[in-house]
C-alpha atoms as a PDB file:
ATOM      1  CA  MET A   1       9.545  14.502 -17.315  1.00  0.00           C
ATOM      2  CA  LYS A   2      11.732  13.728 -14.570  1.00  0.00           C
ATOM      3  CA  LEU A   3      13.941  10.692 -14.617  1.00  0.00           C
ATOM      4  CA  ILE A   4      12.276   9.258 -11.440  1.00  0.00           C
ATOM      5  CA  ASP A   5       8.900   9.365 -13.096  1.00  0.00           C
ATOM      6  CA  PHE A   6      10.242   7.788 -16.142  1.00  0.00           C
ATOM      7  CA  PHE A   7      11.368   4.801 -14.101  1.00  0.00           C
ATOM      8  CA  LYS A   8       8.023   4.608 -12.113  1.00  0.00           C
ATOM      9  CA  ILE A   9       6.132   4.268 -15.796  1.00  0.00           C
ATOM     10  CA  ILE A  10       8.719   1.713 -16.809  1.00  0.00           C
ATOM     11  CA  GLY A  11       8.007  -0.289 -13.535  1.00  0.00           C
ATOM     12  CA  VAL A  12       4.331  -0.284 -13.844  1.00  0.00           C
ATOM     13  CA  PHE A  13       4.651  -1.376 -17.537  1.00  0.00           C
ATOM     14  CA  LEU A  14       6.940  -4.182 -16.551  1.00  0.00           C
ATOM     15  CA  LEU A  15       4.516  -5.315 -13.745  1.00  0.00           C
ATOM     16  CA  VAL A  16       1.604  -5.187 -16.117  1.00  0.00           C
ATOM     17  CA  ALA A  17       3.556  -7.007 -18.797  1.00  0.00           C
ATOM     18  CA  ALA A  18       4.692  -9.692 -16.443  1.00  0.00           C
ATOM     19  CA  ALA A  19       1.142 -10.229 -15.251  1.00  0.00           C
ATOM     20  CA  VAL A  20      -0.149 -10.760 -18.776  1.00  0.00           C
ATOM     21  CA  TYR A  21       2.590 -13.603 -19.560  1.00  0.00           C
ATOM     22  CA  LEU A  22       1.726 -15.232 -16.245  1.00  0.00           C
ATOM     23  CA  PHE A  23      -2.096 -15.307 -16.671  1.00  0.00           C
ATOM     24  CA  PHE A  24      -2.285 -15.570 -20.557  1.00  0.00           C
ATOM     25  CA  PHE A  25       0.956 -17.715 -21.503  1.00  0.00           C
ATOM     26  CA  THR A  26       1.460 -20.258 -18.489  1.00  0.00           C
ATOM     27  CA  ASN A  27      -0.579 -22.959 -17.085  1.00  0.00           C
ATOM     28  CA  LEU A  28      -1.701 -20.754 -14.250  1.00  0.00           C
ATOM     29  CA  LYS A  29      -4.079 -19.237 -16.643  1.00  0.00           C
ATOM     30  CA  ASN A  30      -6.395 -21.969 -15.858  1.00  0.00           C
ATOM     31  CA  ASP A  31      -6.254 -22.450 -12.155  1.00  0.00           C
ATOM     32  CA  LEU A  32      -4.059 -22.101  -9.168  1.00  0.00           C
ATOM     33  CA  SER A  33      -4.228 -25.428  -7.850  1.00  0.00           C
ATOM     34  CA  VAL A  34      -1.372 -26.954  -5.944  1.00  0.00           C
ATOM     35  CA  ASP A  35      -0.673 -29.360  -9.005  1.00  0.00           C
ATOM     36  CA  THR A  36      -0.956 -26.786 -11.328  1.00  0.00           C
ATOM     37  CA  LEU A  37       1.372 -24.623  -9.562  1.00  0.00           C
ATOM     38  CA  ARG A  38       3.891 -27.342  -8.954  1.00  0.00           C
ATOM     39  CA  SER A  39       3.959 -28.325 -12.580  1.00  0.00           C
ATOM     40  CA  THR A  40       4.565 -24.932 -13.825  1.00  0.00           C
ATOM     41  CA  LEU A  41       7.345 -24.355 -11.225  1.00  0.00           C
ATOM     42  CA  ASP A  42       9.093 -27.609 -12.217  1.00  0.00           C
ATOM     43  CA  SER A  43       9.109 -26.432 -15.922  1.00  0.00           C
ATOM     44  CA  TYR A  44      11.397 -23.773 -14.776  1.00  0.00           C
ATOM     45  CA  GLY A  45      13.906 -25.902 -13.293  1.00  0.00           C
ATOM     46  CA  TYR A  46      16.629 -24.041 -11.668  1.00  0.00           C
ATOM     47  CA  TRP A  47      14.839 -20.843 -12.051  1.00  0.00           C
ATOM     48  CA  SER A  48      11.751 -21.874 -10.184  1.00  0.00           C
ATOM     49  CA  PRO A  49      12.537 -19.948  -7.053  1.00  0.00           C
ATOM     50  CA  LEU A  50      13.118 -16.996  -8.862  1.00  0.00           C
ATOM     51  CA  PHE A  51       9.926 -17.815 -10.659  1.00  0.00           C
ATOM     52  CA  PHE A  52       7.757 -18.166  -7.478  1.00  0.00           C
ATOM     53  CA  ILE A  53       9.065 -15.035  -5.988  1.00  0.00           C
ATOM     54  CA  ILE A  54       8.140 -12.731  -9.211  1.00  0.00           C
ATOM     55  CA  PHE A  55       4.687 -14.627  -9.231  1.00  0.00           C
ATOM     56  CA  PHE A  56       4.238 -14.031  -5.571  1.00  0.00           C
ATOM     57  CA  ALA A  57       5.137 -10.086  -5.876  1.00  0.00           C
ATOM     58  CA  ILE A  58       2.660  -9.789  -8.833  1.00  0.00           C
ATOM     59  CA  LEU A  59      -0.323 -11.360  -7.225  1.00  0.00           C
ATOM     60  CA  THR A  60       0.023  -9.303  -4.112  1.00  0.00           C
ATOM     61  CA  THR A  61       0.493  -6.062  -6.288  1.00  0.00           C
ATOM     62  CA  LEU A  62      -2.733  -7.082  -8.342  1.00  0.00           C
ATOM     63  CA  PHE A  63      -5.097  -7.398  -5.254  1.00  0.00           C
ATOM     64  CA  ILE A  64      -4.940 -11.354  -5.387  1.00  0.00           C
ATOM     65  CA  PRO A  65      -4.818 -12.655  -2.049  1.00  0.00           C
ATOM     66  CA  ALA A  66      -1.117 -14.034  -1.122  1.00  0.00           C
ATOM     67  CA  THR A  67      -2.472 -17.235   0.645  1.00  0.00           C
ATOM     68  CA  LEU A  68      -3.015 -18.543  -2.761  1.00  0.00           C
ATOM     69  CA  LEU A  69       0.734 -19.296  -2.448  1.00  0.00           C
ATOM     70  CA  THR A  70       1.944 -19.001   1.041  1.00  0.00           C
ATOM     71  CA  ILE A  71       0.306 -22.337   2.008  1.00  0.00           C
ATOM     72  CA  PRO A  72       1.104 -24.089  -1.488  1.00  0.00           C
ATOM     73  CA  SER A  73       4.859 -23.139  -0.995  1.00  0.00           C
ATOM     74  CA  GLY A  74       5.141 -25.260   2.189  1.00  0.00           C
ATOM     75  CA  ILE A  75       3.409 -28.089   0.475  1.00  0.00           C
ATOM     76  CA  ILE A  76       5.877 -27.890  -2.531  1.00  0.00           C
ATOM     77  CA  TYR A  77       9.102 -26.456  -1.153  1.00  0.00           C
ATOM     78  CA  GLY A  78       8.768 -27.503   2.564  1.00  0.00           C
ATOM     79  CA  LEU A  79       9.024 -25.256   5.591  1.00  0.00           C
ATOM     80  CA  TRP A  80      12.194 -23.315   5.534  1.00  0.00           C
ATOM     81  CA  TRP A  81      12.285 -22.971   1.808  1.00  0.00           C
ATOM     82  CA  GLY A  82       8.860 -22.218   1.505  1.00  0.00           C
ATOM     83  CA  PHE A  83       8.976 -19.592   4.367  1.00  0.00           C
ATOM     84  CA  THR A  84      12.101 -18.049   2.730  1.00  0.00           C
ATOM     85  CA  LEU A  85      10.600 -17.591  -0.974  1.00  0.00           C
ATOM     86  CA  ASN A  86       7.283 -16.481   0.475  1.00  0.00           C
ATOM     87  CA  PHE A  87       9.058 -13.740   2.734  1.00  0.00           C
ATOM     88  CA  ILE A  88      11.256 -12.396  -0.280  1.00  0.00           C
ATOM     89  CA  GLY A  89       8.379 -12.438  -2.571  1.00  0.00           C
ATOM     90  CA  ALA A  90       6.163 -10.568   0.168  1.00  0.00           C
ATOM     91  CA  MET A  91       8.903  -7.918   0.479  1.00  0.00           C
ATOM     92  CA  LEU A  92       9.286  -7.375  -3.106  1.00  0.00           C
ATOM     93  CA  GLY A  93       5.448  -7.260  -3.737  1.00  0.00           C
ATOM     94  CA  ALA A  94       5.026  -4.739  -0.808  1.00  0.00           C
ATOM     95  CA  THR A  95       7.985  -2.308  -2.073  1.00  0.00           C
ATOM     96  CA  VAL A  96       6.260  -2.442  -5.654  1.00  0.00           C
ATOM     97  CA  SER A  97       2.936  -1.920  -4.198  1.00  0.00           C
ATOM     98  CA  PHE A  98       4.123   0.888  -2.444  1.00  0.00           C
ATOM     99  CA  PHE A  99       5.700   2.919  -5.136  1.00  0.00           C
ATOM    100  CA  VAL A 100       2.659   2.000  -7.358  1.00  0.00           C
ATOM    101  CA  ALA A 101       0.631   3.323  -5.067  1.00  0.00           C
ATOM    102  CA  ARG A 102       2.675   6.734  -4.875  1.00  0.00           C
ATOM    103  CA  PHE A 103       2.817   6.739  -8.449  1.00  0.00           C
ATOM    104  CA  LEU A 104      -0.914   6.546  -8.943  1.00  0.00           C
ATOM    105  CA  GLY A 105      -1.353   9.436  -6.236  1.00  0.00           C
ATOM    106  CA  LYS A 106      -3.422   9.979  -3.246  1.00  0.00           C
ATOM    107  CA  GLU A 107      -6.698  10.991  -5.065  1.00  0.00           C
ATOM    108  CA  PHE A 108      -6.712   7.783  -6.944  1.00  0.00           C
ATOM    109  CA  ILE A 109      -5.931   5.475  -4.237  1.00  0.00           C
ATOM    110  CA  SER A 110      -8.587   7.228  -2.027  1.00  0.00           C
ATOM    111  CA  LYS A 111     -11.458   6.574  -4.639  1.00  0.00           C
ATOM    112  CA  LEU A 112      -9.944   3.175  -4.802  1.00  0.00           C
ATOM    113  CA  LEU A 113     -10.347   2.453  -1.275  1.00  0.00           C
ATOM    114  CA  LYS A 114     -13.539   4.575  -0.627  1.00  0.00           C
ATOM    115  CA  LYS A 115     -16.060   3.083   1.953  1.00  0.00           C
ATOM    116  CA  THR A 116     -13.456   0.629   3.176  1.00  0.00           C
ATOM    117  CA  TYR A 117     -11.505   0.257   6.402  1.00  0.00           C
ATOM    118  CA  PHE A 118      -8.155   1.156   4.670  1.00  0.00           C
ATOM    119  CA  ASN A 119      -9.582   4.591   3.634  1.00  0.00           C
ATOM    120  CA  LYS A 120      -9.282   5.176   7.726  1.00  0.00           C
ATOM    121  CA  ILE A 121      -5.591   4.601   7.278  1.00  0.00           C
ATOM    122  CA  ILE A 122      -5.003   7.431   4.644  1.00  0.00           C
ATOM    123  CA  LYS A 123      -6.841   9.978   7.111  1.00  0.00           C
ATOM    124  CA  ILE A 124      -3.867   9.677   9.795  1.00  0.00           C
ATOM    125  CA  ASP A 125      -1.125  10.832   7.797  1.00  0.00           C
ATOM    126  CA  TYR A 126       0.819  12.607  10.746  1.00  0.00           C
ATOM    127  CA  GLU A 127       0.416   9.771  13.019  1.00  0.00           C
ATOM    128  CA  LEU A 128       1.741   7.460  10.336  1.00  0.00           C
ATOM    129  CA  GLU A 129       4.680   9.944   9.828  1.00  0.00           C
ATOM    130  CA  LYS A 130       5.623   9.846  13.684  1.00  0.00           C
ATOM    131  CA  HIS A 131       4.829   6.209  14.530  1.00  0.00           C
ATOM    132  CA  GLY A 132       5.033   4.503  10.974  1.00  0.00           C
ATOM    133  CA  PHE A 133       6.832   1.391  12.192  1.00  0.00           C
ATOM    134  CA  HIS A 134       4.362   0.762  15.057  1.00  0.00           C
ATOM    135  CA  HIS A 135       1.076   0.911  12.845  1.00  0.00           C
ATOM    136  CA  THR A 136       2.616  -1.123   9.853  1.00  0.00           C
ATOM    137  CA  LEU A 137       3.801  -3.852  12.281  1.00  0.00           C
ATOM    138  CA  VAL A 138       0.238  -4.344  13.754  1.00  0.00           C
ATOM    139  CA  LEU A 139      -1.423  -4.234  10.421  1.00  0.00           C
ATOM    140  CA  ARG A 140       0.777  -6.856   9.037  1.00  0.00           C
ATOM    141  CA  LEU A 141       0.338  -9.101  12.201  1.00  0.00           C
ATOM    142  CA  LEU A 142      -3.364  -9.455  11.066  1.00  0.00           C
ATOM    143  CA  PRO A 143      -2.832 -12.613   8.665  1.00  0.00           C
ATOM    144  CA  PHE A 144      -6.201 -12.202   7.064  1.00  0.00           C
ATOM    145  CA  LEU A 145      -6.056  -8.564   6.275  1.00  0.00           C
ATOM    146  CA  PRO A 146      -5.807  -7.949   2.634  1.00  0.00           C
ATOM    147  CA  PHE A 147      -1.969  -7.627   2.142  1.00  0.00           C
ATOM    148  CA  VAL A 148      -2.172  -5.305  -0.898  1.00  0.00           C
ATOM    149  CA  LEU A 149      -4.684  -2.909   0.614  1.00  0.00           C
ATOM    150  CA  VAL A 150      -2.435  -2.044   3.408  1.00  0.00           C
ATOM    151  CA  ASP A 151       0.421  -1.541   0.938  1.00  0.00           C
ATOM    152  CA  TYR A 152      -1.736   1.028  -1.168  1.00  0.00           C
ATOM    153  CA  ALA A 153      -3.060   2.854   1.592  1.00  0.00           C
ATOM    154  CA  LEU A 154       0.440   3.241   3.471  1.00  0.00           C
ATOM    155  CA  GLY A 155       1.809   4.319   0.207  1.00  0.00           C
ATOM    156  CA  VAL A 156      -0.003   7.191  -0.092  1.00  0.00           C
ATOM    157  CA  SER A 157       0.419   8.371   3.380  1.00  0.00           C
ATOM    158  CA  ARG A 158       3.047  10.439   4.924  1.00  0.00           C
ATOM    159  CA  ILE A 159       4.638   7.057   6.278  1.00  0.00           C
ATOM    160  CA  LYS A 160       8.462   7.161   5.520  1.00  0.00           C
ATOM    161  CA  PHE A 161       9.415   4.043   3.270  1.00  0.00           C
ATOM    162  CA  LYS A 162      12.136   2.868   6.036  1.00  0.00           C
ATOM    163  CA  ASP A 163       9.544   2.436   8.692  1.00  0.00           C
ATOM    164  CA  TYR A 164       6.959   0.593   6.131  1.00  0.00           C
ATOM    165  CA  PHE A 165       9.653  -1.468   4.995  1.00  0.00           C
ATOM    166  CA  LEU A 166      10.848  -2.496   8.604  1.00  0.00           C
ATOM    167  CA  GLY A 167       7.456  -2.883  10.039  1.00  0.00           C
ATOM    168  CA  THR A 168       6.347  -4.895   7.107  1.00  0.00           C
ATOM    169  CA  ALA A 169       9.455  -7.123   7.113  1.00  0.00           C
ATOM    170  CA  VAL A 170       8.929  -7.887  11.005  1.00  0.00           C
ATOM    171  CA  GLY A 171       5.048  -7.967  10.892  1.00  0.00           C
ATOM    172  CA  VAL A 172       4.887 -10.595   8.039  1.00  0.00           C
ATOM    173  CA  LEU A 173       7.433 -13.168   9.476  1.00  0.00           C
ATOM    174  CA  PRO A 174       5.047 -14.929  11.996  1.00  0.00           C
ATOM    175  CA  THR A 175       2.098 -15.298   9.504  1.00  0.00           C
ATOM    176  CA  ILE A 176       4.042 -16.202   6.474  1.00  0.00           C
ATOM    177  CA  PHE A 177       6.031 -18.839   8.814  1.00  0.00           C
ATOM    178  CA  LEU A 178       2.783 -20.202  10.077  1.00  0.00           C
ATOM    179  CA  PHE A 179       1.187 -20.669   6.605  1.00  0.00           C
ATOM    180  CA  ALA A 180       4.346 -22.400   5.379  1.00  0.00           C
ATOM    181  CA  TYR A 181       4.415 -24.475   8.655  1.00  0.00           C
ATOM    182  CA  PHE A 182       0.741 -25.307   7.969  1.00  0.00           C
ATOM    183  CA  GLY A 183       1.617 -26.136   4.205  1.00  0.00           C
ATOM    184  CA  ALA A 184       4.383 -28.401   5.208  1.00  0.00           C
ATOM    185  CA  SER A 185       2.276 -30.102   7.630  1.00  0.00           C
ATOM    186  CA  LEU A 186      -0.305 -30.719   5.076  1.00  0.00           C
ATOM    187  CA  ALA A 187       2.238 -32.407   2.940  1.00  0.00           C
ATOM    188  CA  SER A 188       3.290 -34.872   5.580  1.00  0.00           C
ATOM    189  CA  LEU A 189      -0.288 -35.147   6.993  1.00  0.00           C
ATOM    190  CA  ASN A 190       0.927 -34.199  10.518  1.00  0.00           C
ATOM    191  CA  TRP A 191      -2.240 -33.472  12.320  1.00  0.00           C
ATOM    192  CA  ILE A 192      -0.760 -32.074  15.356  1.00  0.00           C
ATOM    193  CA  SER A 193       1.214 -29.771  13.665  1.00  0.00           C
ATOM    194  CA  ILE A 194      -1.738 -28.877  11.434  1.00  0.00           C
ATOM    195  CA  SER A 195      -3.827 -28.137  14.891  1.00  0.00           C
ATOM    196  CA  ILE A 196      -0.910 -26.348  16.333  1.00  0.00           C
ATOM    197  CA  SER A 197      -0.679 -24.005  13.271  1.00  0.00           C
ATOM    198  CA  ILE A 198      -4.266 -23.147  13.148  1.00  0.00           C
ATOM    199  CA  ILE A 199      -4.261 -22.299  16.741  1.00  0.00           C
ATOM    200  CA  LEU A 200      -1.333 -20.057  16.483  1.00  0.00           C
ATOM    201  CA  VAL A 201      -2.650 -18.120  13.380  1.00  0.00           C
ATOM    202  CA  ALA A 202      -6.103 -17.583  15.314  1.00  0.00           C
ATOM    203  CA  LEU A 203      -3.940 -16.284  18.211  1.00  0.00           C
ATOM    204  CA  ILE A 204      -1.904 -13.973  16.301  1.00  0.00           C
ATOM    205  CA  TYR A 205      -5.467 -12.668  14.251  1.00  0.00           C
ATOM    206  CA  PHE A 206      -7.126 -11.961  17.626  1.00  0.00           C
ATOM    207  CA  VAL A 207      -4.355 -10.296  19.428  1.00  0.00           C
ATOM    208  CA  GLY A 208      -3.367  -8.078  16.486  1.00  0.00           C
ATOM    209  CA  ARG A 209      -7.066  -7.320  15.914  1.00  0.00           C
ATOM    210  CA  TYR A 210      -7.453  -6.161  19.529  1.00  0.00           C
ATOM    211  CA  PHE A 211      -4.329  -3.922  19.290  1.00  0.00           C
ATOM    212  CA  LYS A 212      -5.147  -2.494  15.792  1.00  0.00           C
ATOM    213  CA  ASN A 213      -8.743  -1.565  16.947  1.00  0.00           C
ATOM    214  CA  LYS A 214      -7.522   0.071  20.303  1.00  0.00           C
ATOM    215  CA  ARG A 215      -4.794   2.032  18.834  1.00  0.00           C
ATOM    216  CA  LEU A 216      -6.572   3.166  15.612  1.00  0.00           C
ATOM    217  CA  LYS A 217      -9.598   4.110  17.618  1.00  0.00           C
ATOM    218  CA  LYS A 218      -7.289   6.463  19.671  1.00  0.00           C
ATOM    219  CA  VAL A 219      -5.481   7.934  16.772  1.00  0.00           C
ATOM    220  CA  LEU A 220      -8.917   8.889  14.932  1.00  0.00           C
ATOM    221  CA  GLU A 221     -10.133  10.349  18.030  1.00  0.00           C
ATOM    222  CA  GLU A 222      -6.977  12.437  18.544  1.00  0.00           C
ATOM    223  CA  SER A 223      -6.817  13.598  14.888  1.00  0.00           C
END
Protein backbone atom coordinates (compact mmCIF):
# COMPACT_ATOMS: atom_id res chain seq x y z
CA MET A 1 0.00 0.00 0.00
CA LYS A 2 1.31 3.45 -0.96
CA LEU A 3 1.81 5.99 1.79
CA ILE A 4 -0.69 8.39 0.19
CA ASP A 5 -3.36 5.66 0.17
CA PHE A 6 -2.68 5.02 3.84
CA PHE A 7 -3.26 8.69 4.68
CA LYS A 8 -6.44 8.71 2.60
CA ILE A 9 -7.81 5.78 4.60
CA ILE A 10 -6.85 7.46 7.87
CA GLY A 11 -8.55 10.66 6.70
CA VAL A 12 -11.82 8.89 5.87
CA PHE A 13 -11.69 7.04 9.20
CA LEU A 14 -11.18 10.29 11.14
CA LEU A 15 -14.06 11.92 9.26
CA VAL A 16 -16.43 9.08 10.14
CA ALA A 17 -15.22 9.06 13.75
CA ALA A 18 -15.79 12.80 14.10
CA ALA A 19 -19.27 12.49 12.60
CA VAL A 20 -20.17 9.68 15.03
CA TYR A 21 -18.97 11.79 17.96
CA LEU A 22 -20.92 14.88 16.87
CA PHE A 23 -24.20 13.13 16.25
CA PHE A 24 -24.17 10.59 19.07
CA PHE A 25 -22.26 12.23 21.91
CA THR A 26 -23.34 15.89 21.75
CA ASN A 27 -26.67 17.71 22.03
CA LEU A 28 -26.72 18.06 18.25
CA LYS A 29 -27.98 14.50 17.96
CA ASN A 30 -31.42 15.81 19.02
CA ASP A 31 -31.78 18.83 16.76
CA LEU A 32 -29.88 21.53 14.91
CA SER A 33 -31.84 24.53 16.14
CA VAL A 34 -30.06 27.81 16.79
CA ASP A 35 -30.50 27.44 20.57
CA THR A 36 -29.04 23.92 20.58
CA LEU A 37 -26.16 24.97 18.37
CA ARG A 38 -25.48 28.01 20.57
CA SER A 39 -25.48 25.98 23.79
CA THR A 40 -23.23 23.33 22.24
CA LEU A 41 -20.77 25.95 21.01
CA ASP A 42 -20.80 27.73 24.38
CA SER A 43 -19.87 24.47 26.10
CA TYR A 44 -16.55 24.49 24.21
CA GLY A 45 -15.60 27.96 25.44
CA TYR A 46 -12.59 29.37 23.60
CA TRP A 47 -12.54 26.29 21.38
CA SER A 48 -16.02 26.94 20.01
CA PRO A 49 -14.82 28.55 16.73
CA LEU A 50 -12.65 25.50 16.00
CA PHE A 51 -15.56 23.19 16.84
CA PHE A 52 -17.82 25.18 14.50
CA ILE A 53 -15.32 24.94 11.62
CA ILE A 54 -14.91 21.18 12.04
CA PHE A 55 -18.66 20.69 12.38
CA PHE A 56 -19.28 22.75 9.24
CA ALA A 57 -16.73 20.71 7.29
CA ILE A 58 -18.26 17.43 8.45
CA LEU A 59 -21.79 18.50 7.53
CA THR A 60 -20.78 19.47 4.00
CA THR A 61 -18.88 16.21 3.54
CA LEU A 62 -21.84 14.10 4.67
CA PHE A 63 -24.40 15.50 2.19
CA ILE A 64 -26.04 17.72 4.85
CA PRO A 65 -26.95 21.25 3.64
CA ALA A 66 -24.46 23.84 4.83
CA THR A 67 -27.26 26.42 5.14
CA LEU A 68 -28.12 24.72 8.44
CA LEU A 69 -25.05 26.55 9.78
CA THR A 70 -24.43 29.54 7.53
CA ILE A 71 -27.48 31.49 8.66
CA PRO A 72 -27.29 30.49 12.38
CA SER A 73 -23.62 31.52 12.41
CA GLY A 74 -24.65 35.08 11.62
CA ILE A 75 -27.16 34.98 14.46
CA ILE A 76 -24.68 33.53 16.97
CA TYR A 77 -21.38 35.16 15.99
CA GLY A 78 -22.49 38.24 14.08
CA LEU A 79 -21.72 39.15 10.47
CA TRP A 80 -17.94 39.23 10.17
CA TRP A 81 -16.99 36.52 12.63
CA GLY A 82 -19.78 34.28 11.33
CA PHE A 83 -18.69 34.91 7.74
CA THR A 84 -15.06 34.08 8.55
CA LEU A 85 -15.89 30.80 10.31
CA ASN A 86 -18.28 29.81 7.53
CA PHE A 87 -15.67 30.47 4.87
CA ILE A 88 -12.95 28.46 6.62
CA GLY A 89 -15.38 25.60 7.31
CA ALA A 90 -16.62 25.61 3.71
CA MET A 91 -13.09 25.48 2.29
CA LEU A 92 -12.07 22.72 4.68
CA GLY A 93 -15.20 20.72 3.82
CA ALA A 94 -14.70 21.27 0.08
CA THR A 95 -11.09 20.11 0.31
CA VAL A 96 -11.95 16.98 2.31
CA SER A 97 -14.86 16.09 0.00
CA PHE A 98 -12.67 16.54 -3.06
CA PHE A 99 -10.07 14.07 -1.85
CA VAL A 100 -12.65 11.66 -0.44
CA ALA A 101 -14.21 11.57 -3.92
CA ARG A 102 -10.84 10.84 -5.51
CA PHE A 103 -10.27 8.12 -2.93
CA LEU A 104 -13.65 6.48 -3.59
CA GLY A 105 -13.12 6.66 -7.35
CA LYS A 106 -15.02 7.73 -10.44
CA GLU A 107 -17.07 4.53 -10.81
CA PHE A 108 -18.47 4.74 -7.27
CA ILE A 109 -19.25 8.46 -7.46
CA SER A 110 -20.87 8.10 -10.89
CA LYS A 111 -23.29 5.54 -9.45
CA LEU A 112 -23.91 7.79 -6.47
CA LEU A 113 -24.79 10.74 -8.68
CA LYS A 114 -26.58 8.74 -11.37
CA LYS A 115 -29.67 10.42 -12.86
CA THR A 116 -28.74 13.78 -11.32
CA TYR A 117 -27.53 16.98 -12.92
CA PHE A 118 -24.12 16.42 -11.36
CA ASN A 119 -23.48 13.32 -13.42
CA LYS A 120 -23.27 15.68 -16.41
CA ILE A 121 -20.33 17.41 -14.76
CA ILE A 122 -18.35 14.17 -14.69
CA LYS A 123 -18.87 13.77 -18.45
CA ILE A 124 -17.00 16.97 -19.36
CA ASP A 125 -13.60 15.94 -18.00
CA TYR A 126 -11.48 17.59 -20.67
CA GLU A 127 -13.36 20.87 -20.45
CA LEU A 128 -12.88 20.89 -16.68
CA GLU A 129 -9.20 20.19 -17.14
CA LYS A 130 -8.83 23.26 -19.38
CA HIS A 131 -11.31 25.66 -17.71
CA GLY A 132 -11.67 24.27 -14.20
CA PHE A 133 -11.59 27.60 -12.40
CA HIS A 134 -14.38 29.07 -14.55
CA HIS A 135 -16.72 26.09 -14.19
CA THR A 136 -16.14 25.80 -10.46
CA LEU A 137 -16.74 29.52 -10.01
CA VAL A 138 -20.07 29.42 -11.84
CA LEU A 139 -21.26 26.34 -9.94
CA ARG A 140 -20.33 27.90 -6.60
CA LEU A 141 -22.21 31.11 -7.38
CA LEU A 142 -25.49 29.19 -7.26
CA PRO A 143 -26.56 29.56 -3.59
CA PHE A 144 -29.03 26.64 -3.53
CA LEU A 145 -26.95 24.13 -5.48
CA PRO A 146 -25.99 21.25 -3.10
CA PHE A 147 -22.45 22.12 -2.09
CA VAL A 148 -21.18 18.60 -1.47
CA LEU A 149 -22.53 17.16 -4.73
CA VAL A 150 -20.41 19.67 -6.63
CA ASP A 151 -17.43 18.63 -4.47
CA TYR A 152 -17.82 14.96 -5.27
CA ALA A 153 -18.59 15.45 -8.96
CA LEU A 154 -15.56 17.69 -9.47
CA GLY A 155 -13.42 15.48 -7.26
CA VAL A 156 -13.52 12.61 -9.76
CA SER A 157 -13.08 14.80 -12.82
CA ARG A 158 -9.81 15.87 -14.45
CA ILE A 159 -9.98 19.28 -12.82
CA LYS A 160 -6.78 20.50 -11.18
CA PHE A 161 -7.07 20.91 -7.43
CA LYS A 162 -5.67 24.45 -7.69
CA ASP A 163 -8.48 25.49 -10.07
CA TYR A 164 -11.07 23.74 -7.92
CA PHE A 165 -9.80 25.36 -4.71
CA LEU A 166 -9.51 28.88 -6.13
CA GLY A 167 -12.85 28.65 -7.96
CA THR A 168 -14.50 27.50 -4.75
CA ALA A 169 -12.81 30.17 -2.64
CA VAL A 170 -13.97 33.00 -4.91
CA GLY A 171 -17.35 31.49 -5.75
CA VAL A 172 -18.60 30.87 -2.22
CA LEU A 173 -17.70 34.33 -0.91
CA PRO A 174 -20.90 36.14 -2.01
CA THR A 175 -23.30 33.43 -0.83
CA ILE A 176 -21.58 32.85 2.50
CA PHE A 177 -21.44 36.57 3.15
CA LEU A 178 -25.12 37.05 2.31
CA PHE A 179 -26.27 34.14 4.47
CA ALA A 180 -24.19 35.41 7.41
CA TYR A 181 -25.55 38.90 6.74
CA PHE A 182 -29.09 37.48 6.71
CA GLY A 183 -28.48 35.72 10.03
CA ALA A 184 -27.04 38.85 11.62
CA SER A 185 -30.04 40.82 10.32
CA LEU A 186 -32.42 38.31 11.87
CA ALA A 187 -30.62 38.62 15.20
CA SER A 188 -31.07 42.41 15.16
CA LEU A 189 -34.53 42.24 13.51
CA ASN A 190 -33.36 44.72 10.89
CA TRP A 191 -36.06 44.25 8.25
CA ILE A 192 -34.37 46.48 5.71
CA SER A 193 -31.20 44.35 5.88
CA ILE A 194 -33.27 41.16 5.75
CA SER A 195 -35.06 42.34 2.61
CA ILE A 196 -31.80 43.41 0.95
CA SER A 197 -30.13 40.06 1.66
CA ILE A 198 -33.08 38.10 0.22
CA ILE A 199 -33.05 40.20 -2.97
CA LEU A 200 -29.28 39.78 -3.40
CA VAL A 201 -29.41 36.00 -2.86
CA ALA A 202 -32.15 35.75 -5.49
CA LEU A 203 -30.08 37.90 -7.88
CA ILE A 204 -26.99 35.72 -7.47
CA TYR A 205 -29.07 32.59 -7.95
CA PHE A 206 -30.71 33.66 -11.22
CA VAL A 207 -27.56 35.18 -12.71
CA GLY A 208 -25.51 32.11 -11.79
CA ARG A 209 -28.20 29.77 -13.13
CA TYR A 210 -28.30 31.61 -16.44
CA PHE A 211 -24.55 31.35 -17.01
CA LYS A 212 -24.45 27.74 -15.77
CA ASN A 213 -27.11 26.55 -18.21
CA LYS A 214 -25.66 28.55 -21.10
CA ARG A 215 -22.10 27.34 -20.56
CA LEU A 216 -22.94 23.72 -19.76
CA LYS A 217 -25.20 23.40 -22.80
CA LYS A 218 -22.42 24.66 -25.04
CA VAL A 219 -19.86 22.31 -23.51
CA LEU A 220 -22.11 19.24 -23.78
CA GLU A 221 -22.85 20.05 -27.43
CA GLU A 222 -19.13 20.25 -28.19
CA SER A 223 -18.21 17.06 -26.28
